[in-house]
Amino acid sequence: MKKTFELGKKIRIARLLRGYSQDNIANELGIKQQTYQLIENGETTLSEERFEKICTILKMDIEFVRVVDDIDLLSNVVVTYVKSKINIKN
Protein backbone atom coordinates (compact mmCIF):
# COMPACT_ATOMS: atom_id res chain seq x y z
CA MET A 1 0.00 0.00 0.00
CA LYS A 2 1.17 3.56 -0.69
CA LYS A 3 2.08 5.98 2.05
CA THR A 4 -0.93 6.71 4.23
CA PHE A 5 -0.92 10.45 3.48
CA GLU A 6 -1.24 9.89 -0.26
CA LEU A 7 -3.92 7.29 0.27
CA GLY A 8 -5.84 9.65 2.56
CA LYS A 9 -5.86 12.31 -0.17
CA LYS A 10 -7.22 9.79 -2.65
CA ILE A 11 -9.93 8.74 -0.22
CA ARG A 12 -10.87 12.38 0.40
CA ILE A 13 -11.18 13.04 -3.33
CA ALA A 14 -13.34 9.95 -3.83
CA ARG A 15 -15.54 10.97 -0.89
CA LEU A 16 -16.02 14.45 -2.34
CA LEU A 17 -16.85 13.03 -5.76
CA ARG A 18 -19.55 10.89 -4.16
CA GLY A 19 -20.91 13.85 -2.24
CA TYR A 20 -20.45 12.21 1.16
CA SER A 21 -19.47 14.01 4.32
CA GLN A 22 -16.84 12.72 6.71
CA ASP A 23 -19.72 12.02 9.11
CA ASN A 24 -21.39 9.77 6.51
CA ILE A 25 -18.30 7.64 6.08
CA ALA A 26 -17.47 7.59 9.79
CA ASN A 27 -20.99 6.37 10.61
CA GLU A 28 -20.69 3.59 8.04
CA LEU A 29 -17.35 2.57 9.56
CA GLY A 30 -18.67 2.79 13.13
CA ILE A 31 -16.08 5.39 14.15
CA LYS A 32 -16.13 9.05 15.15
CA GLN A 33 -15.80 11.75 12.49
CA GLN A 34 -12.58 12.94 14.12
CA THR A 35 -11.10 9.46 13.77
CA TYR A 36 -12.09 9.34 10.11
CA GLN A 37 -10.54 12.78 9.58
CA LEU A 38 -7.23 11.38 10.82
CA ILE A 39 -7.41 8.78 8.04
CA GLU A 40 -7.89 11.40 5.34
CA ASN A 41 -5.12 13.53 6.82
CA GLY A 42 -2.73 10.58 6.89
CA GLU A 43 -2.30 10.88 10.64
CA THR A 44 -3.22 7.29 11.44
CA THR A 45 -2.35 3.89 10.07
CA LEU A 46 -4.98 2.52 7.73
CA SER A 47 -5.45 -1.23 7.95
CA GLU A 48 -6.10 -3.23 4.79
CA GLU A 49 -9.51 -4.23 6.15
CA ARG A 50 -10.58 -0.65 6.84
CA PHE A 51 -9.22 0.49 3.46
CA GLU A 52 -11.31 -2.18 1.73
CA LYS A 53 -14.41 -1.15 3.67
CA ILE A 54 -13.89 2.51 2.75
CA CYS A 55 -13.51 1.50 -0.90
CA THR A 56 -16.76 -0.44 -0.68
CA ILE A 57 -18.62 2.48 0.91
CA LEU A 58 -17.28 4.89 -1.72
CA LYS A 59 -17.81 2.39 -4.55
CA MET A 60 -14.14 2.69 -5.52
CA ASP A 61 -12.02 0.08 -7.24
CA ILE A 62 -9.26 -0.83 -4.78
CA GLU A 63 -6.64 -1.36 -7.47
CA PHE A 64 -7.44 1.97 -9.12
CA VAL A 65 -6.86 3.77 -5.85
CA ARG A 66 -3.55 1.96 -5.40
CA VAL A 67 -2.17 2.74 -8.86
CA VAL A 68 -3.35 6.31 -9.44
CA ASP A 69 -0.57 8.49 -8.09
CA ASP A 70 -1.20 11.87 -9.68
CA ILE A 71 -2.95 13.76 -6.89
CA ASP A 72 -3.03 16.94 -8.96
CA LEU A 73 -4.87 15.12 -11.73
CA LEU A 74 -7.39 13.74 -9.27
CA SER A 75 -7.85 17.18 -7.74
CA ASN A 76 -8.55 18.61 -11.20
CA VAL A 77 -11.13 15.89 -11.76
CA VAL A 78 -12.89 16.93 -8.55
CA VAL A 79 -12.83 20.61 -9.49
CA THR A 80 -14.20 19.87 -12.96
CA TYR A 81 -16.89 17.62 -11.50
CA VAL A 82 -17.97 20.22 -8.95
CA LYS A 83 -18.07 22.96 -11.60
CA SER A 84 -20.23 20.76 -13.83
CA LYS A 85 -22.65 20.15 -10.96
CA ILE A 86 -22.89 23.90 -10.30
CA ASN A 87 -23.52 24.62 -14.00
CA ILE A 88 -26.25 21.97 -14.15
CA LYS A 89 -28.12 23.57 -11.24
CA ASN A 90 -27.97 27.10 -12.75
PDB file of N, CA and C in Angstrom:
ATOM      1  N   MET A   1       0.844  -1.177   0.000  1.00  0.00           N
ATOM      2  CA  MET A   1       0.000   0.000   0.000  1.00  0.00           C
ATOM      3  C   MET A   1       0.892   1.243   0.000  1.00  0.00           C
ATOM      4  N   LYS A   2       0.422   2.294  -0.639  1.00  0.00           N
ATOM      5  CA  LYS A   2       1.167   3.557  -0.692  1.00  0.00           C
ATOM      6  C   LYS A   2       1.227   4.193   0.682  1.00  0.00           C
ATOM      7  N   LYS A   3       2.018   5.251   0.784  1.00  0.00           N
ATOM      8  CA  LYS A   3       2.079   5.979   2.046  1.00  0.00           C
ATOM      9  C   LYS A   3       0.672   6.419   2.439  1.00  0.00           C
ATOM     10  N   THR A   4       0.407   6.403   3.722  1.00  0.00           N
ATOM     11  CA  THR A   4      -0.933   6.708   4.231  1.00  0.00           C
ATOM     12  C   THR A   4      -1.409   8.088   3.805  1.00  0.00           C
ATOM     13  N   PHE A   5      -0.512   9.086   3.828  1.00  0.00           N
ATOM     14  CA  PHE A   5      -0.919  10.446   3.484  1.00  0.00           C
ATOM     15  C   PHE A   5      -1.461  10.511   2.062  1.00  0.00           C
ATOM     16  N   GLU A   6      -0.769   9.888   1.122  1.00  0.00           N
ATOM     17  CA  GLU A   6      -1.241   9.893  -0.257  1.00  0.00           C
ATOM     18  C   GLU A   6      -2.573   9.160  -0.375  1.00  0.00           C
ATOM     19  N   LEU A   7      -2.691   8.062   0.311  1.00  0.00           N
ATOM     20  CA  LEU A   7      -3.922   7.290   0.272  1.00  0.00           C
ATOM     21  C   LEU A   7      -5.075   8.094   0.868  1.00  0.00           C
ATOM     22  N   GLY A   8      -4.806   8.815   1.946  1.00  0.00           N
ATOM     23  CA  GLY A   8      -5.836   9.648   2.563  1.00  0.00           C
ATOM     24  C   GLY A   8      -6.350  10.715   1.614  1.00  0.00           C
ATOM     25  N   LYS A   9      -5.450  11.304   0.830  1.00  0.00           N
ATOM     26  CA  LYS A   9      -5.864  12.305  -0.165  1.00  0.00           C
ATOM     27  C   LYS A   9      -6.769  11.671  -1.208  1.00  0.00           C
ATOM     28  N   LYS A  10      -6.407  10.479  -1.645  1.00  0.00           N
ATOM     29  CA  LYS A  10      -7.218   9.790  -2.649  1.00  0.00           C
ATOM     30  C   LYS A  10      -8.608   9.481  -2.094  1.00  0.00           C
ATOM     31  N   ILE A  11      -8.651   9.048  -0.853  1.00  0.00           N
ATOM     32  CA  ILE A  11      -9.931   8.742  -0.221  1.00  0.00           C
ATOM     33  C   ILE A  11     -10.772  10.008  -0.099  1.00  0.00           C
ATOM     34  N   ARG A  12     -10.146  11.112   0.287  1.00  0.00           N
ATOM     35  CA  ARG A  12     -10.873  12.385   0.404  1.00  0.00           C
ATOM     36  C   ARG A  12     -11.475  12.783  -0.939  1.00  0.00           C
ATOM     37  N   ILE A  13     -10.694  12.674  -1.999  1.00  0.00           N
ATOM     38  CA  ILE A  13     -11.176  13.039  -3.326  1.00  0.00           C
ATOM     39  C   ILE A  13     -12.359  12.160  -3.722  1.00  0.00           C
ATOM     40  N   ALA A  14     -12.241  10.861  -3.496  1.00  0.00           N
ATOM     41  CA  ALA A  14     -13.342   9.947  -3.830  1.00  0.00           C
ATOM     42  C   ALA A  14     -14.593  10.282  -3.018  1.00  0.00           C
ATOM     43  N   ARG A  15     -14.406  10.608  -1.747  1.00  0.00           N
ATOM     44  CA  ARG A  15     -15.542  10.966  -0.894  1.00  0.00           C
ATOM     45  C   ARG A  15     -16.232  12.216  -1.428  1.00  0.00           C
ATOM     46  N   LEU A  16     -15.445  13.214  -1.808  1.00  0.00           N
ATOM     47  CA  LEU A  16     -16.018  14.450  -2.340  1.00  0.00           C
ATOM     48  C   LEU A  16     -16.748  14.197  -3.649  1.00  0.00           C
ATOM     49  N   LEU A  17     -16.188  13.355  -4.494  1.00  0.00           N
ATOM     50  CA  LEU A  17     -16.854  13.031  -5.759  1.00  0.00           C
ATOM     51  C   LEU A  17     -18.195  12.353  -5.526  1.00  0.00           C
ATOM     52  N   ARG A  18     -18.292  11.568  -4.490  1.00  0.00           N
ATOM     53  CA  ARG A  18     -19.548  10.885  -4.161  1.00  0.00           C
ATOM     54  C   ARG A  18     -20.527  11.779  -3.416  1.00  0.00           C
ATOM     55  N   GLY A  19     -20.038  12.936  -2.955  1.00  0.00           N
ATOM     56  CA  GLY A  19     -20.914  13.853  -2.240  1.00  0.00           C
ATOM     57  C   GLY A  19     -21.171  13.457  -0.797  1.00  0.00           C
ATOM     58  N   TYR A  20     -20.295  12.649  -0.225  1.00  0.00           N
ATOM     59  CA  TYR A  20     -20.452  12.213   1.163  1.00  0.00           C
ATOM     60  C   TYR A  20     -19.685  13.133   2.097  1.00  0.00           C
ATOM     61  N   SER A  21     -20.194  13.273   3.291  1.00  0.00           N
ATOM     62  CA  SER A  21     -19.469  14.008   4.321  1.00  0.00           C
ATOM     63  C   SER A  21     -18.570  13.034   5.086  1.00  0.00           C
ATOM     64  N   GLN A  22     -17.656  13.582   5.847  1.00  0.00           N
ATOM     65  CA  GLN A  22     -16.840  12.724   6.706  1.00  0.00           C
ATOM     66  C   GLN A  22     -17.731  11.998   7.708  1.00  0.00           C
ATOM     67  N   ASP A  23     -18.775  12.653   8.176  1.00  0.00           N
ATOM     68  CA  ASP A  23     -19.716  12.017   9.105  1.00  0.00           C
ATOM     69  C   ASP A  23     -20.377  10.795   8.476  1.00  0.00           C
ATOM     70  N   ASN A  24     -20.776  10.909   7.196  1.00  0.00           N
ATOM     71  CA  ASN A  24     -21.393   9.773   6.505  1.00  0.00           C
ATOM     72  C   ASN A  24     -20.492   8.555   6.540  1.00  0.00           C
ATOM     73  N   ILE A  25     -19.234   8.752   6.158  1.00  0.00           N
ATOM     74  CA  ILE A  25     -18.299   7.636   6.081  1.00  0.00           C
ATOM     75  C   ILE A  25     -17.990   7.108   7.475  1.00  0.00           C
ATOM     76  N   ALA A  26     -17.769   8.008   8.424  1.00  0.00           N
ATOM     77  CA  ALA A  26     -17.467   7.593   9.794  1.00  0.00           C
ATOM     78  C   ALA A  26     -18.597   6.742  10.365  1.00  0.00           C
ATOM     79  N   ASN A  27     -19.844   7.151  10.126  1.00  0.00           N
ATOM     80  CA  ASN A  27     -20.987   6.368  10.607  1.00  0.00           C
ATOM     81  C   ASN A  27     -21.010   4.976   9.998  1.00  0.00           C
ATOM     82  N   GLU A  28     -20.732   4.896   8.707  1.00  0.00           N
ATOM     83  CA  GLU A  28     -20.693   3.591   8.040  1.00  0.00           C
ATOM     84  C   GLU A  28     -19.593   2.700   8.611  1.00  0.00           C
ATOM     85  N   LEU A  29     -18.484   3.316   9.007  1.00  0.00           N
ATOM     86  CA  LEU A  29     -17.355   2.566   9.558  1.00  0.00           C
ATOM     87  C   LEU A  29     -17.525   2.277  11.049  1.00  0.00           C
ATOM     88  N   GLY A  30     -18.469   2.965  11.692  1.00  0.00           N
ATOM     89  CA  GLY A  30     -18.666   2.794  13.127  1.00  0.00           C
ATOM     90  C   GLY A  30     -17.596   3.482  13.958  1.00  0.00           C
ATOM     91  N   ILE A  31     -17.094   4.620  13.436  1.00  0.00           N
ATOM     92  CA  ILE A  31     -16.077   5.388  14.149  1.00  0.00           C
ATOM     93  C   ILE A  31     -16.525   6.840  14.237  1.00  0.00           C
ATOM     94  N   LYS A  32     -15.823   7.625  15.035  1.00  0.00           N
ATOM     95  CA  LYS A  32     -16.132   9.054  15.149  1.00  0.00           C
ATOM     96  C   LYS A  32     -15.599   9.795  13.928  1.00  0.00           C
ATOM     97  N   GLN A  33     -16.232  10.922  13.628  1.00  0.00           N
ATOM     98  CA  GLN A  33     -15.803  11.746  12.493  1.00  0.00           C
ATOM     99  C   GLN A  33     -14.351  12.171  12.655  1.00  0.00           C
ATOM    100  N   GLN A  34     -13.951  12.500  13.880  1.00  0.00           N
ATOM    101  CA  GLN A  34     -12.581  12.939  14.120  1.00  0.00           C
ATOM    102  C   GLN A  34     -11.582  11.827  13.804  1.00  0.00           C
ATOM    103  N   THR A  35     -11.959  10.602  14.087  1.00  0.00           N
ATOM    104  CA  THR A  35     -11.097   9.457  13.769  1.00  0.00           C
ATOM    105  C   THR A  35     -10.991   9.289  12.264  1.00  0.00           C
ATOM    106  N   TYR A  36     -12.114   9.438  11.569  1.00  0.00           N
ATOM    107  CA  TYR A  36     -12.091   9.339  10.108  1.00  0.00           C
ATOM    108  C   TYR A  36     -11.237  10.452   9.507  1.00  0.00           C
ATOM    109  N   GLN A  37     -11.332  11.645  10.069  1.00  0.00           N
ATOM    110  CA  GLN A  37     -10.542  12.776   9.578  1.00  0.00           C
ATOM    111  C   GLN A  37      -9.051  12.463   9.657  1.00  0.00           C
ATOM    112  N   LEU A  38      -8.633  11.769  10.696  1.00  0.00           N
ATOM    113  CA  LEU A  38      -7.227  11.376  10.822  1.00  0.00           C
ATOM    114  C   LEU A  38      -6.797  10.484   9.664  1.00  0.00           C
ATOM    115  N   ILE A  39      -7.705   9.648   9.189  1.00  0.00           N
ATOM    116  CA  ILE A  39      -7.412   8.778   8.036  1.00  0.00           C
ATOM    117  C   ILE A  39      -7.145   9.633   6.805  1.00  0.00           C
ATOM    118  N   GLU A  40      -8.054  10.555   6.520  1.00  0.00           N
ATOM    119  CA  GLU A  40      -7.893  11.401   5.343  1.00  0.00           C
ATOM    120  C   GLU A  40      -6.648  12.284   5.434  1.00  0.00           C
ATOM    121  N   ASN A  41      -6.297  12.680   6.639  1.00  0.00           N
ATOM    122  CA  ASN A  41      -5.123  13.531   6.824  1.00  0.00           C
ATOM    123  C   ASN A  41      -3.825  12.736   6.892  1.00  0.00           C
ATOM    124  N   GLY A  42      -3.923  11.414   6.847  1.00  0.00           N
ATOM    125  CA  GLY A  42      -2.734  10.576   6.895  1.00  0.00           C
ATOM    126  C   GLY A  42      -2.074  10.542   8.256  1.00  0.00           C
ATOM    127  N   GLU A  43      -2.839  10.813   9.292  1.00  0.00           N
ATOM    128  CA  GLU A  43      -2.296  10.877  10.642  1.00  0.00           C
ATOM    129  C   GLU A  43      -2.489   9.594  11.426  1.00  0.00           C
ATOM    130  N   THR A  44      -3.021   8.575  10.788  1.00  0.00           N
ATOM    131  CA  THR A  44      -3.223   7.287  11.443  1.00  0.00           C
ATOM    132  C   THR A  44      -2.964   6.174  10.440  1.00  0.00           C
ATOM    133  N   THR A  45      -2.599   5.037  10.948  1.00  0.00           N
ATOM    134  CA  THR A  45      -2.350   3.888  10.074  1.00  0.00           C
ATOM    135  C   THR A  45      -3.686   3.331   9.602  1.00  0.00           C
ATOM    136  N   LEU A  46      -3.760   3.049   8.328  1.00  0.00           N
ATOM    137  CA  LEU A  46      -4.981   2.523   7.733  1.00  0.00           C
ATOM    138  C   LEU A  46      -4.788   1.036   7.453  1.00  0.00           C
ATOM    139  N   SER A  47      -5.556   0.219   8.159  1.00  0.00           N
ATOM    140  CA  SER A  47      -5.449  -1.230   7.950  1.00  0.00           C
ATOM    141  C   SER A  47      -6.025  -1.600   6.591  1.00  0.00           C
ATOM    142  N   GLU A  48      -5.590  -2.734   6.077  1.00  0.00           N
ATOM    143  CA  GLU A  48      -6.098  -3.227   4.794  1.00  0.00           C
ATOM    144  C   GLU A  48      -7.607  -3.443   4.866  1.00  0.00           C
ATOM    145  N   GLU A  49      -8.078  -3.977   5.979  1.00  0.00           N
ATOM    146  CA  GLU A  49      -9.509  -4.234   6.151  1.00  0.00           C
ATOM    147  C   GLU A  49     -10.329  -2.942   6.116  1.00  0.00           C
ATOM    148  N   ARG A  50      -9.853  -1.920   6.829  1.00  0.00           N
ATOM    149  CA  ARG A  50     -10.578  -0.647   6.843  1.00  0.00           C
ATOM    150  C   ARG A  50     -10.512   0.016   5.471  1.00  0.00           C
ATOM    151  N   PHE A  51      -9.358  -0.060   4.809  1.00  0.00           N
ATOM    152  CA  PHE A  51      -9.217   0.486   3.463  1.00  0.00           C
ATOM    153  C   PHE A  51     -10.224  -0.155   2.518  1.00  0.00           C
ATOM    154  N   GLU A  52     -10.351  -1.473   2.583  1.00  0.00           N
ATOM    155  CA  GLU A  52     -11.310  -2.179   1.726  1.00  0.00           C
ATOM    156  C   GLU A  52     -12.742  -1.757   2.035  1.00  0.00           C
ATOM    157  N   LYS A  53     -13.053  -1.565   3.310  1.00  0.00           N
ATOM    158  CA  LYS A  53     -14.406  -1.152   3.674  1.00  0.00           C
ATOM    159  C   LYS A  53     -14.699   0.262   3.165  1.00  0.00           C
ATOM    160  N   ILE A  54     -13.714   1.149   3.275  1.00  0.00           N
ATOM    161  CA  ILE A  54     -13.890   2.510   2.748  1.00  0.00           C
ATOM    162  C   ILE A  54     -14.117   2.460   1.241  1.00  0.00           C
ATOM    163  N   CYS A  55     -13.341   1.644   0.545  1.00  0.00           N
ATOM    164  CA  CYS A  55     -13.510   1.503  -0.904  1.00  0.00           C
ATOM    165  C   CYS A  55     -14.906   0.995  -1.240  1.00  0.00           C
ATOM    166  N   THR A  56     -15.414   0.077  -0.457  1.00  0.00           N
ATOM    167  CA  THR A  56     -16.763  -0.443  -0.681  1.00  0.00           C
ATOM    168  C   THR A  56     -17.803   0.653  -0.472  1.00  0.00           C
ATOM    169  N   ILE A  57     -17.675   1.392   0.608  1.00  0.00           N
ATOM    170  CA  ILE A  57     -18.622   2.480   0.906  1.00  0.00           C
ATOM    171  C   ILE A  57     -18.615   3.516  -0.212  1.00  0.00           C
ATOM    172  N   LEU A  58     -17.417   3.854  -0.690  1.00  0.00           N
ATOM    173  CA  LEU A  58     -17.281   4.889  -1.719  1.00  0.00           C
ATOM    174  C   LEU A  58     -17.428   4.346  -3.142  1.00  0.00           C
ATOM    175  N   LYS A  59     -17.654   3.041  -3.246  1.00  0.00           N
ATOM    176  CA  LYS A  59     -17.810   2.389  -4.554  1.00  0.00           C
ATOM    177  C   LYS A  59     -16.591   2.650  -5.442  1.00  0.00           C
ATOM    178  N   MET A  60     -15.403   2.474  -4.824  1.00  0.00           N
ATOM    179  CA  MET A  60     -14.139   2.686  -5.520  1.00  0.00           C
ATOM    180  C   MET A  60     -13.491   1.346  -5.809  1.00  0.00           C
ATOM    181  N   ASP A  61     -12.810   1.266  -6.927  1.00  0.00           N
ATOM    182  CA  ASP A  61     -12.017   0.084  -7.237  1.00  0.00           C
ATOM    183  C   ASP A  61     -10.706   0.166  -6.458  1.00  0.00           C
ATOM    184  N   ILE A  62     -10.445  -0.827  -5.642  1.00  0.00           N
ATOM    185  CA  ILE A  62      -9.261  -0.828  -4.779  1.00  0.00           C
ATOM    186  C   ILE A  62      -7.982  -0.688  -5.592  1.00  0.00           C
ATOM    187  N   GLU A  63      -7.867  -1.416  -6.669  1.00  0.00           N
ATOM    188  CA  GLU A  63      -6.638  -1.361  -7.473  1.00  0.00           C
ATOM    189  C   GLU A  63      -6.460  -0.010  -8.135  1.00  0.00           C
ATOM    190  N   PHE A  64      -7.550   0.629  -8.541  1.00  0.00           N
ATOM    191  CA  PHE A  64      -7.444   1.971  -9.124  1.00  0.00           C
ATOM    192  C   PHE A  64      -6.855   2.941  -8.108  1.00  0.00           C
ATOM    193  N   VAL A  65      -7.349   2.871  -6.893  1.00  0.00           N
ATOM    194  CA  VAL A  65      -6.855   3.766  -5.846  1.00  0.00           C
ATOM    195  C   VAL A  65      -5.371   3.528  -5.604  1.00  0.00           C
ATOM    196  N   ARG A  66      -4.958   2.275  -5.657  1.00  0.00           N
ATOM    197  CA  ARG A  66      -3.553   1.957  -5.402  1.00  0.00           C
ATOM    198  C   ARG A  66      -2.631   2.447  -6.500  1.00  0.00           C
ATOM    199  N   VAL A  67      -3.072   2.425  -7.757  1.00  0.00           N
ATOM    200  CA  VAL A  67      -2.166   2.743  -8.857  1.00  0.00           C
ATOM    201  C   VAL A  67      -2.194   4.205  -9.277  1.00  0.00           C
ATOM    202  N   VAL A  68      -3.278   4.910  -9.037  1.00  0.00           N
ATOM    203  CA  VAL A  68      -3.349   6.307  -9.440  1.00  0.00           C
ATOM    204  C   VAL A  68      -2.536   7.133  -8.454  1.00  0.00           C
ATOM    205  N   ASP A  69      -1.465   7.746  -8.951  1.00  0.00           N
ATOM    206  CA  ASP A  69      -0.565   8.495  -8.089  1.00  0.00           C
ATOM    207  C   ASP A  69      -0.595   9.991  -8.325  1.00  0.00           C
ATOM    208  N   ASP A  70      -1.235  10.451  -9.353  1.00  0.00           N
ATOM    209  CA  ASP A  70      -1.204  11.871  -9.678  1.00  0.00           C
ATOM    210  C   ASP A  70      -2.319  12.598  -8.924  1.00  0.00           C
ATOM    211  N   ILE A  71      -1.975  13.075  -7.732  1.00  0.00           N
ATOM    212  CA  ILE A  71      -2.950  13.757  -6.889  1.00  0.00           C
ATOM    213  C   ILE A  71      -3.472  15.025  -7.562  1.00  0.00           C
ATOM    214  N   ASP A  72      -2.589  15.729  -8.271  1.00  0.00           N
ATOM    215  CA  ASP A  72      -3.028  16.945  -8.958  1.00  0.00           C
ATOM    216  C   ASP A  72      -4.084  16.625 -10.008  1.00  0.00           C
ATOM    217  N   LEU A  73      -3.890  15.538 -10.734  1.00  0.00           N
ATOM    218  CA  LEU A  73      -4.873  15.115 -11.727  1.00  0.00           C
ATOM    219  C   LEU A  73      -6.204  14.808 -11.057  1.00  0.00           C
ATOM    220  N   LEU A  74      -6.156  14.064  -9.972  1.00  0.00           N
ATOM    221  CA  LEU A  74      -7.394  13.739  -9.269  1.00  0.00           C
ATOM    222  C   LEU A  74      -8.067  14.997  -8.724  1.00  0.00           C
ATOM    223  N   SER A  75      -7.279  15.929  -8.232  1.00  0.00           N
ATOM    224  CA  SER A  75      -7.849  17.183  -7.736  1.00  0.00           C
ATOM    225  C   SER A  75      -8.534  17.947  -8.864  1.00  0.00           C
ATOM    226  N   ASN A  76      -7.934  17.953 -10.040  1.00  0.00           N
ATOM    227  CA  ASN A  76      -8.548  18.609 -11.196  1.00  0.00           C
ATOM    228  C   ASN A  76      -9.848  17.931 -11.587  1.00  0.00           C
ATOM    229  N   VAL A  77      -9.898  16.627 -11.465  1.00  0.00           N
ATOM    230  CA  VAL A  77     -11.131  15.885 -11.758  1.00  0.00           C
ATOM    231  C   VAL A  77     -12.231  16.347 -10.814  1.00  0.00           C
ATOM    232  N   VAL A  78     -11.905  16.482  -9.537  1.00  0.00           N
ATOM    233  CA  VAL A  78     -12.893  16.930  -8.553  1.00  0.00           C
ATOM    234  C   VAL A  78     -13.373  18.334  -8.882  1.00  0.00           C
ATOM    235  N   VAL A  79     -12.461  19.233  -9.175  1.00  0.00           N
ATOM    236  CA  VAL A  79     -12.834  20.614  -9.489  1.00  0.00           C
ATOM    237  C   VAL A  79     -13.744  20.657 -10.717  1.00  0.00           C
ATOM    238  N   THR A  80     -13.383  19.914 -11.749  1.00  0.00           N
ATOM    239  CA  THR A  80     -14.198  19.871 -12.961  1.00  0.00           C
ATOM    240  C   THR A  80     -15.580  19.300 -12.665  1.00  0.00           C
ATOM    241  N   TYR A  81     -15.620  18.249 -11.869  1.00  0.00           N
ATOM    242  CA  TYR A  81     -16.894  17.625 -11.496  1.00  0.00           C
ATOM    243  C   TYR A  81     -17.779  18.609 -10.737  1.00  0.00           C
ATOM    244  N   VAL A  82     -17.209  19.269  -9.752  1.00  0.00           N
ATOM    245  CA  VAL A  82     -17.973  20.223  -8.951  1.00  0.00           C
ATOM    246  C   VAL A  82     -18.480  21.362  -9.818  1.00  0.00           C
ATOM    247  N   LYS A  83     -17.640  21.876 -10.699  1.00  0.00           N
ATOM    248  CA  LYS A  83     -18.069  22.957 -11.597  1.00  0.00           C
ATOM    249  C   LYS A  83     -19.212  22.503 -12.493  1.00  0.00           C
ATOM    250  N   SER A  84     -19.158  21.258 -12.964  1.00  0.00           N
ATOM    251  CA  SER A  84     -20.228  20.758 -13.828  1.00  0.00           C
ATOM    252  C   SER A  84     -21.533  20.635 -13.049  1.00  0.00           C
ATOM    253  N   LYS A  85     -21.449  20.252 -11.791  1.00  0.00           N
ATOM    254  CA  LYS A  85     -22.650  20.153 -10.961  1.00  0.00           C
ATOM    255  C   LYS A  85     -23.256  21.530 -10.729  1.00  0.00           C
ATOM    256  N   ILE A  86     -22.405  22.530 -10.519  1.00  0.00           N
ATOM    257  CA  ILE A  86     -22.889  23.898 -10.296  1.00  0.00           C
ATOM    258  C   ILE A  86     -23.554  24.422 -11.564  1.00  0.00           C
ATOM    259  N   ASN A  87     -22.946  24.157 -12.722  1.00  0.00           N
ATOM    260  CA  ASN A  87     -23.517  24.619 -13.995  1.00  0.00           C
ATOM    261  C   ASN A  87     -24.840  23.947 -14.301  1.00  0.00           C
ATOM    262  N   ILE A  88     -24.993  22.695 -13.909  1.00  0.00           N
ATOM    263  CA  ILE A  88     -26.254  21.974 -14.151  1.00  0.00           C
ATOM    264  C   ILE A  88     -27.374  22.594 -13.353  1.00  0.00           C
ATOM    265  N   LYS A  89     -27.082  23.018 -12.122  1.00  0.00           N
ATOM    266  CA  LYS A  89     -28.118  23.573 -11.245  1.00  0.00           C
ATOM    267  C   LYS A  89     -28.539  24.971 -11.692  1.00  0.00           C
ATOM    268  N   ASN A  90     -27.652  25.717 -12.345  1.00  0.00           N
ATOM    269  CA  ASN A  90     -27.969  27.102 -12.746  1.00  0.00           C
ATOM    270  C   ASN A  90     -28.730  27.160 -14.039  1.00  0.00           C
TER     271      ASN A  90
END
